[in-house]
Protein backbone atom coordinates (compact mmCIF):
# COMPACT_ATOMS: atom_id res chain seq x y z
CA UNK A 1 144.91 206.03 153.46
CA UNK A 2 143.22 203.81 155.92
CA UNK A 3 143.66 200.05 155.52
CA UNK A 4 139.91 199.59 155.14
CA UNK A 5 139.79 202.11 152.26
CA UNK A 6 142.83 200.51 150.62
CA UNK A 7 141.21 197.09 150.88
CA UNK A 8 138.02 198.40 149.28
CA UNK A 9 139.92 200.07 146.40
CA UNK A 10 141.92 196.88 145.82
CA UNK A 11 138.75 194.82 145.66
CA UNK A 12 137.26 197.30 143.20
CA UNK A 13 140.36 197.19 140.96
CA UNK A 14 140.79 193.41 141.16
CA UNK A 15 138.25 192.63 138.40
CA UNK A 16 139.95 195.24 136.19
CA UNK A 17 143.36 193.63 136.68
CA UNK A 18 141.97 190.17 136.10
CA UNK A 19 140.15 191.25 132.95
CA UNK A 20 143.22 192.97 131.52
CA UNK A 21 145.45 190.08 132.51
CA UNK A 22 143.18 187.76 130.55
CA UNK A 23 143.35 190.09 127.55
CA UNK A 24 147.14 190.17 127.77
CA UNK A 25 147.33 186.38 128.04
CA UNK A 26 144.95 186.01 125.09
CA UNK A 27 147.01 188.50 123.07
CA UNK A 28 150.22 186.61 123.87
CA UNK A 29 148.58 183.34 122.89
CA UNK A 30 147.37 184.88 119.61
CA UNK A 31 150.88 186.23 118.92
CA UNK A 32 152.50 182.86 119.55
CA UNK A 33 149.98 181.00 117.41
CA UNK A 34 150.15 183.71 114.73
CA UNK A 35 153.96 183.54 114.45
CA UNK A 36 153.78 179.75 114.30
CA UNK A 37 151.08 179.79 111.63
CA UNK A 38 152.95 182.41 109.56
CA UNK A 39 156.01 180.17 109.38
CA UNK A 40 153.87 177.15 108.56
CA UNK A 41 151.99 179.06 105.83
CA UNK A 42 155.29 180.18 104.26
CA UNK A 43 156.76 176.66 104.34
CA UNK A 44 153.55 175.10 103.00
CA UNK A 45 153.40 177.49 100.05
CA UNK A 46 157.07 176.90 99.26
CA UNK A 47 156.52 173.12 99.32
CA UNK A 48 153.57 173.48 96.95
CA UNK A 49 155.61 175.66 94.59
CA UNK A 50 158.51 173.20 94.74
CA UNK A 51 156.26 170.68 93.00
CA UNK A 52 155.84 173.09 90.09
CA UNK A 53 158.50 172.59 87.46
CA UNK A 54 160.64 175.52 86.31
CA UNK A 55 159.35 177.78 89.12
CA UNK A 56 162.04 180.25 90.09
CA UNK A 57 163.58 180.05 93.56
CA UNK A 58 163.28 183.81 93.98
CA UNK A 59 159.53 183.65 93.37
CA UNK A 60 159.17 180.83 95.90
CA UNK A 61 160.73 183.03 98.56
CA UNK A 62 158.73 186.05 97.40
CA UNK A 63 155.33 184.31 97.62
CA UNK A 64 156.39 182.60 100.84
CA UNK A 65 157.10 186.01 102.38
CA UNK A 66 153.73 187.33 101.19
CA UNK A 67 151.94 184.41 102.89
CA UNK A 68 153.92 184.95 106.08
CA UNK A 69 153.22 188.68 106.32
CA UNK A 70 149.55 188.16 105.45
CA UNK A 71 149.15 185.84 108.44
CA UNK A 72 151.13 188.24 110.64
CA UNK A 73 148.85 191.13 109.63
CA UNK A 74 145.77 189.15 110.61
CA UNK A 75 147.51 188.24 113.88
CA UNK A 76 148.23 191.89 114.65
CA UNK A 77 144.60 192.85 114.02
CA UNK A 78 143.42 190.02 116.27
CA UNK A 79 145.78 191.19 119.05
CA UNK A 80 144.55 194.77 118.80
CA UNK A 81 140.94 193.61 118.94
CA UNK A 82 141.71 192.00 122.32
CA UNK A 83 142.37 195.48 123.72
CA UNK A 84 139.19 197.00 122.29
CA UNK A 85 140.74 198.64 119.22
CA UNK A 86 138.26 198.97 116.36
CA UNK A 87 140.01 196.94 113.68
CA UNK A 88 137.48 197.91 111.01
CA UNK A 89 138.63 201.53 111.03
CA UNK A 90 142.24 200.36 111.31
CA UNK A 91 141.86 198.22 108.19
CA UNK A 92 140.43 201.24 106.36
CA UNK A 93 143.41 203.35 107.45
CA UNK A 94 145.86 200.63 106.36
CA UNK A 95 144.06 200.36 103.04
CA UNK A 96 144.23 204.13 102.47
CA UNK A 97 147.90 204.19 103.44
CA UNK A 98 148.61 201.27 101.11
CA UNK A 99 146.86 203.08 98.28
CA UNK A 100 148.89 206.24 98.90
CA UNK A 101 152.14 204.27 99.02
CA UNK A 102 151.13 202.38 95.88
CA UNK A 103 150.49 205.62 93.99
CA UNK A 104 153.81 207.06 95.18
CA UNK A 105 155.71 203.92 94.17
CA UNK A 106 153.70 202.96 91.10
CA UNK A 107 156.81 202.88 88.90
CA UNK A 108 158.62 200.58 91.32
CA UNK A 109 155.56 198.38 91.79
CA UNK A 110 155.16 198.21 88.01
CA UNK A 111 158.72 196.89 87.75
CA UNK A 112 157.98 194.43 90.56
CA UNK A 113 154.85 193.13 88.82
CA UNK A 114 156.76 192.84 85.54
CA UNK A 115 159.56 190.97 87.33
CA UNK A 116 157.07 188.48 88.75
CA UNK A 117 155.59 187.93 85.28
CA UNK A 118 159.05 187.44 83.75
CA UNK A 119 160.00 184.94 86.45
CA UNK A 120 156.74 183.00 85.98
CA UNK A 121 156.55 182.87 82.17
CA UNK A 122 160.32 182.85 81.51
CA UNK A 123 160.57 184.38 78.00
CA UNK A 124 164.35 184.12 78.49
CA UNK A 125 166.83 182.55 80.89
CA UNK A 126 170.20 183.42 82.34
CA UNK A 127 172.93 183.15 79.71
CA UNK A 128 170.67 183.60 76.70
CA UNK A 129 171.25 186.24 74.02
CA UNK A 130 168.39 188.75 73.83
CA UNK A 131 167.48 192.02 72.18
CA UNK A 132 165.13 194.30 74.12
CA UNK A 133 164.59 197.88 73.09
CA UNK A 134 167.94 199.22 71.98
CA UNK A 135 169.89 196.77 74.12
CA UNK A 136 171.58 193.66 72.74
CA UNK A 137 173.49 191.23 74.93
CA UNK A 138 173.55 188.17 77.18
CA UNK A 139 171.29 188.02 80.24
CA UNK A 140 173.48 188.02 83.37
CA UNK A 141 170.80 188.34 86.07
CA UNK A 142 167.02 188.57 86.42
CA UNK A 143 165.72 190.05 89.68
CA UNK A 144 162.27 191.19 90.77
CA UNK A 145 162.98 194.80 89.76
CA UNK A 146 165.51 194.78 86.92
CA UNK A 147 167.27 192.67 84.29
CA UNK A 148 171.03 192.83 83.88
CA UNK A 149 172.38 192.45 80.32
CA UNK A 150 176.05 192.29 79.31
CA UNK A 151 176.76 193.56 75.79
CA UNK A 152 179.32 192.20 73.35
CA UNK A 153 181.68 195.00 74.54
CA UNK A 154 181.40 193.65 78.10
CA UNK A 155 179.30 196.65 79.20
CA UNK A 156 176.72 196.18 81.96
CA UNK A 157 173.19 197.39 81.10
CA UNK A 158 170.48 197.50 83.79
CA UNK A 159 166.99 197.47 82.26
CA UNK A 160 163.90 197.99 84.49
CA UNK A 161 161.60 194.99 84.24
CA UNK A 162 158.70 197.24 83.26
CA UNK A 163 160.59 198.12 80.06
CA UNK A 164 161.49 194.47 79.41
CA UNK A 165 157.93 193.19 79.83
CA UNK A 166 156.23 196.10 78.07
CA UNK A 167 157.86 195.87 74.63
CA UNK A 168 158.78 193.28 71.97
CA UNK A 169 161.69 191.08 73.01
CA UNK A 170 163.91 188.99 70.73
CA UNK A 171 165.43 185.84 72.21
CA UNK A 172 168.23 184.84 69.86
CA UNK A 173 169.02 181.67 71.81
CA UNK A 174 165.61 179.96 71.76
CA UNK A 175 165.88 178.39 68.33
CA UNK A 176 169.04 177.12 66.68
CA UNK A 177 170.06 179.44 63.86
CA UNK A 178 170.62 177.79 60.46
CA UNK A 179 174.29 177.33 59.59
CA UNK A 180 175.84 180.19 57.67
CA UNK A 181 176.52 179.23 54.05
CA UNK A 182 179.27 180.54 51.78
CA UNK A 183 179.15 180.89 48.01
CA UNK A 184 181.79 180.85 45.30
CA UNK A 185 181.37 181.46 41.56
CA UNK A 186 183.73 180.29 38.85
CA UNK A 187 183.49 181.06 35.12
CA UNK A 188 182.42 177.93 33.28
CA UNK A 189 184.71 176.79 30.46
CA UNK A 190 183.36 176.81 26.93
CA UNK A 191 183.91 173.06 26.68
CA UNK A 192 183.76 170.12 29.06
CA UNK A 193 181.49 171.98 31.45
CA UNK A 194 180.33 168.81 33.18
CA UNK A 195 183.91 167.62 33.72
CA UNK A 196 184.89 171.02 35.16
CA UNK A 197 181.89 170.95 37.42
CA UNK A 198 182.77 167.46 38.67
CA UNK A 199 186.36 168.49 39.39
CA UNK A 200 185.26 171.53 41.37
CA UNK A 201 182.77 169.41 43.29
CA UNK A 202 185.52 166.91 44.20
CA UNK A 203 187.79 169.74 45.36
CA UNK A 204 185.09 171.30 47.51
CA UNK A 205 183.99 168.01 49.10
CA UNK A 206 187.60 167.04 49.77
CA UNK A 207 188.44 170.30 51.54
CA UNK A 208 188.80 169.81 55.31
CA UNK A 209 187.26 173.21 55.98
CA UNK A 210 183.95 172.32 54.32
CA UNK A 211 181.21 170.68 56.39
CA UNK A 212 179.90 167.35 55.09
CA UNK A 213 176.41 168.06 56.46
CA UNK A 214 174.72 169.65 54.64
CA UNK A 215 176.37 168.35 51.48
CA UNK A 216 178.01 171.10 49.38
CA UNK A 217 176.11 171.99 46.21
CA UNK A 218 177.83 172.63 42.85
CA UNK A 219 175.40 173.99 40.25
CA UNK A 220 175.35 175.96 37.02
CA UNK A 221 173.97 179.47 36.74
CA UNK A 222 174.04 182.52 34.49
CA UNK A 223 174.90 185.91 35.94
CA UNK A 224 176.53 189.24 35.19
CA UNK A 225 175.89 191.81 32.52
CA UNK A 226 176.77 189.36 29.77
CA UNK A 227 174.67 186.55 31.27
CA UNK A 228 177.74 184.33 31.26
CA UNK A 229 177.57 180.73 32.38
CA UNK A 230 179.07 180.16 35.85
CA UNK A 231 179.73 177.24 38.19
CA UNK A 232 178.23 178.11 41.58
CA UNK A 233 179.45 176.44 44.77
CA UNK A 234 177.53 176.72 48.06
CA UNK A 235 178.81 175.12 51.27
CA UNK A 236 178.92 175.48 55.08
CA UNK A 237 182.43 176.35 56.28
CA UNK A 238 183.83 174.73 59.43
CA UNK A 239 186.49 177.34 60.07
CA UNK A 240 187.04 180.94 59.05
CA UNK A 241 184.95 181.52 55.94
CA UNK A 242 187.49 183.73 54.16
CA UNK A 243 190.31 181.23 54.70
CA UNK A 244 188.23 178.26 53.50
CA UNK A 245 187.10 180.16 50.39
CA UNK A 246 190.70 181.16 49.64
CA UNK A 247 191.87 177.54 49.86
CA UNK A 248 189.10 176.34 47.55
CA UNK A 249 189.79 179.07 44.98
CA UNK A 250 193.51 178.24 45.05
CA UNK A 251 192.86 174.52 44.58
CA UNK A 252 190.35 175.08 41.76
CA UNK A 253 192.65 177.35 39.75
CA UNK A 254 195.62 175.03 40.26
CA UNK A 255 193.50 172.14 38.99
CA UNK A 256 192.24 174.13 36.02
CA UNK A 257 195.74 175.23 35.01
CA UNK A 258 196.91 171.63 35.17
CA UNK A 259 194.27 170.56 32.66
C-alpha cells in the first residue's frame, strides 16, 4: 500500500476511533459511577433500616443487596446504550427470562417471600417454643428459606418458610402460662369440721414445697357417689408435685391420728 493511500485510510478511520474511544471512556465512567452509587445505595438503605427497631440483620443485608444490584442493573443498561444496544428490547428479554425463572422457582421464591414476612413481622423469635403443623419444638434458626426447630427429643426439623407462614402457628412462649395447681381431697370428719379444716390449712401453708403466692385454698365440697363431705386443698407446688402431695398427705394423717 502506498503511503498516500495509507494516510487517506487513516484519516478516514480517525473519526471512527475517536468516536468509539469516547464511547469507551463514557462507558468506563458510567461503570465507575455505577459501582460507587451501588455501594452508596446499599449503605444508605442499611443505615435507614438500622433506625428501625427490631429489624433483623439478615433483612438489612438482603434489602441492601437488592438496592445494590438494582443500581448495577441500571448501570449495565446505560453502558450497553453507549455502544448502540437497544436497551428496550434487552429489558423485555430480561423481563421474560425473569418470569420464566420465577415460574420455575416459584416454590423457592414462595419460601423466600414467606421468610421475609417472618423476619419483618416476627411471630416468633429464636429460642421460643412453637407449634407449627405437626412440629413442636424450640426455634433454633430462622433463615430466608427455612425455619429450624429442635424437638424435645433433640431432633432437628427443617420446615420451609412457606409452610410456617401459610398455616396457624402456636407460640407457647409469648404469654406466661398460669402456674400449675395441684389438688388434694380429704374426707371431712363428722365432728369438728372447722377445726379439721384449720389444721389442714396450717399444714399446707407450712409445707416448704407449697408456694405462698397464690395462697393455698382449703375449702369444703361434696363429691363421690355418696355425696360425702370432703376437705379440698388446692395449691401451687414449688417442687415435684407428687412428692409435695405425698408429704402433705403424710402430715395430715399424722396430725389426724394424733387428735
